[in-house]
Amino acid sequence: MVVDLTDSHIWDASSVAALDGVRAKYERMGKRLDVVGLNPASAERHELLSGRLGEGH
């Protein structure tokens, strides 16, 4: 699955947590989720916070 976030912006931890939750659900089904199209600021925020916000759901 590919989530294309072109023209979107990750503003806070709740956005990262939502993406982590979706990714976790796909991984439990043996699927892969790729997030593409993040602008540099959003990519940095996502990398900094992803996996550090609890269970992701």
N, C-alpha and C. Protein backbone atom coordinates (compact mmCIF):
# COMPACT_ATOMS: atom_id res chain seq x y z
N MET A 1 0.85 -1.16 0.00
CA MET A 1 0.00 0.00 0.00
C MET A 1 0.90 1.23 0.00
N VAL A 2 0.50 2.23 -0.76
CA VAL A 2 1.25 3.49 -0.81
C VAL A 2 0.32 4.62 -0.37
N VAL A 3 0.77 5.41 0.58
CA VAL A 3 0.06 6.61 0.99
C VAL A 3 0.85 7.79 0.43
N ASP A 4 0.23 8.51 -0.50
CA ASP A 4 0.89 9.65 -1.14
C ASP A 4 0.46 10.93 -0.44
N LEU A 5 1.39 11.56 0.24
CA LEU A 5 1.10 12.79 0.99
C LEU A 5 1.64 14.03 0.29
N THR A 6 1.79 13.95 -1.03
CA THR A 6 2.20 15.11 -1.79
C THR A 6 1.20 16.23 -1.56
N ASP A 7 1.67 17.42 -1.37
CA ASP A 7 0.85 18.61 -1.08
C ASP A 7 0.20 18.55 0.30
N SER A 8 0.68 17.68 1.16
CA SER A 8 0.20 17.60 2.54
C SER A 8 1.33 17.98 3.48
N HIS A 9 0.98 18.24 4.72
CA HIS A 9 2.00 18.61 5.70
C HIS A 9 1.68 17.92 7.02
N ILE A 10 2.68 17.30 7.61
CA ILE A 10 2.53 16.72 8.95
C ILE A 10 2.85 17.82 9.94
N TRP A 11 1.84 18.23 10.70
CA TRP A 11 2.00 19.36 11.61
C TRP A 11 2.38 18.95 13.02
N ASP A 12 1.94 17.74 13.46
CA ASP A 12 2.16 17.40 14.86
C ASP A 12 2.22 15.89 15.05
N ALA A 13 2.39 15.49 16.30
CA ALA A 13 2.54 14.08 16.65
C ALA A 13 1.29 13.27 16.35
N SER A 14 0.11 13.89 16.37
CA SER A 14 -1.11 13.12 16.10
C SER A 14 -1.13 12.61 14.66
N SER A 15 -0.59 13.37 13.74
CA SER A 15 -0.50 12.92 12.35
C SER A 15 0.44 11.73 12.22
N VAL A 16 1.57 11.81 12.90
CA VAL A 16 2.53 10.71 12.88
C VAL A 16 1.92 9.48 13.54
N ALA A 17 1.23 9.66 14.65
CA ALA A 17 0.60 8.54 15.34
C ALA A 17 -0.44 7.86 14.45
N ALA A 18 -1.20 8.66 13.70
CA ALA A 18 -2.20 8.08 12.80
C ALA A 18 -1.53 7.24 11.72
N LEU A 19 -0.45 7.75 11.13
CA LEU A 19 0.27 6.98 10.12
C LEU A 19 0.89 5.72 10.72
N ASP A 20 1.43 5.83 11.93
CA ASP A 20 1.98 4.65 12.61
C ASP A 20 0.89 3.60 12.84
N GLY A 21 -0.30 4.05 13.20
CA GLY A 21 -1.41 3.12 13.44
C GLY A 21 -1.81 2.38 12.18
N VAL A 22 -1.89 3.10 11.07
CA VAL A 22 -2.23 2.48 9.79
C VAL A 22 -1.14 1.50 9.39
N ARG A 23 0.12 1.92 9.53
CA ARG A 23 1.24 1.04 9.19
C ARG A 23 1.21 -0.24 10.04
N ALA A 24 0.95 -0.10 11.34
CA ALA A 24 0.91 -1.26 12.23
C ALA A 24 -0.18 -2.24 11.81
N LYS A 25 -1.34 -1.73 11.43
CA LYS A 25 -2.43 -2.60 10.99
C LYS A 25 -2.06 -3.38 9.74
N TYR A 26 -1.44 -2.70 8.79
CA TYR A 26 -1.01 -3.39 7.57
C TYR A 26 0.07 -4.42 7.86
N GLU A 27 1.01 -4.08 8.74
CA GLU A 27 2.07 -5.03 9.08
C GLU A 27 1.52 -6.27 9.76
N ARG A 28 0.48 -6.12 10.59
CA ARG A 28 -0.14 -7.28 11.23
C ARG A 28 -0.77 -8.21 10.19
N MET A 29 -1.14 -7.67 9.04
CA MET A 29 -1.71 -8.47 7.95
C MET A 29 -0.63 -8.95 6.99
N GLY A 30 0.63 -8.70 7.33
CA GLY A 30 1.73 -9.13 6.48
C GLY A 30 1.93 -8.24 5.25
N LYS A 31 1.41 -7.03 5.31
CA LYS A 31 1.52 -6.08 4.19
C LYS A 31 2.49 -4.97 4.54
N ARG A 32 2.92 -4.26 3.53
CA ARG A 32 3.84 -3.14 3.71
C ARG A 32 3.13 -1.83 3.36
N LEU A 33 3.42 -0.79 4.11
CA LEU A 33 2.87 0.54 3.86
C LEU A 33 4.02 1.50 3.61
N ASP A 34 4.02 2.16 2.47
CA ASP A 34 5.01 3.17 2.15
C ASP A 34 4.35 4.54 2.14
N VAL A 35 4.97 5.49 2.81
CA VAL A 35 4.52 6.88 2.82
C VAL A 35 5.45 7.65 1.89
N VAL A 36 4.88 8.28 0.87
CA VAL A 36 5.67 9.01 -0.12
C VAL A 36 5.17 10.45 -0.23
N GLY A 37 6.00 11.30 -0.80
CA GLY A 37 5.59 12.65 -1.13
C GLY A 37 5.70 13.67 -0.01
N LEU A 38 6.32 13.30 1.10
CA LEU A 38 6.43 14.26 2.20
C LEU A 38 7.42 15.36 1.85
N ASN A 39 7.07 16.60 2.18
CA ASN A 39 8.02 17.69 2.02
C ASN A 39 9.12 17.53 3.07
N PRO A 40 10.24 18.22 2.94
CA PRO A 40 11.37 18.01 3.86
C PRO A 40 11.01 18.20 5.34
N ALA A 41 10.24 19.22 5.69
CA ALA A 41 9.90 19.45 7.10
C ALA A 41 9.03 18.32 7.64
N SER A 42 8.08 17.86 6.84
CA SER A 42 7.20 16.77 7.27
C SER A 42 7.97 15.46 7.38
N ALA A 43 8.87 15.21 6.43
CA ALA A 43 9.67 13.99 6.47
C ALA A 43 10.54 13.96 7.72
N GLU A 44 11.11 15.10 8.06
CA GLU A 44 11.94 15.19 9.27
C GLU A 44 11.09 14.93 10.52
N ARG A 45 9.93 15.54 10.60
CA ARG A 45 9.05 15.34 11.75
C ARG A 45 8.61 13.88 11.84
N HIS A 46 8.25 13.30 10.70
CA HIS A 46 7.81 11.90 10.68
C HIS A 46 8.95 10.99 11.15
N GLU A 47 10.15 11.21 10.65
CA GLU A 47 11.30 10.38 11.04
C GLU A 47 11.61 10.53 12.52
N LEU A 48 11.53 11.75 13.03
CA LEU A 48 11.83 12.03 14.43
C LEU A 48 10.84 11.34 15.37
N LEU A 49 9.56 11.33 15.02
CA LEU A 49 8.53 10.86 15.94
C LEU A 49 8.03 9.44 15.67
N SER A 50 8.16 8.96 14.47
CA SER A 50 7.60 7.66 14.12
C SER A 50 8.18 6.55 14.99
N GLY A 51 7.28 5.73 15.54
CA GLY A 51 7.71 4.63 16.39
C GLY A 51 7.98 5.03 17.83
N ARG A 52 7.82 6.29 18.16
CA ARG A 52 8.12 6.78 19.52
C ARG A 52 6.87 7.27 20.25
N LEU A 53 5.71 6.96 19.69
CA LEU A 53 4.48 7.53 20.25
C LEU A 53 3.56 6.46 20.85
N GLY A 54 4.11 5.38 21.33
CA GLY A 54 3.29 4.32 21.90
C GLY A 54 3.01 3.25 20.88
N GLU A 55 1.89 2.62 21.00
CA GLU A 55 1.53 1.50 20.14
C GLU A 55 1.12 1.91 18.74
N GLY A 56 0.78 3.16 18.51
CA GLY A 56 0.40 3.59 17.18
C GLY A 56 -1.06 3.34 16.85
N HIS A 57 -1.90 3.16 17.91
CA HIS A 57 -3.34 3.06 17.67
C HIS A 57 -4.10 3.60 18.83
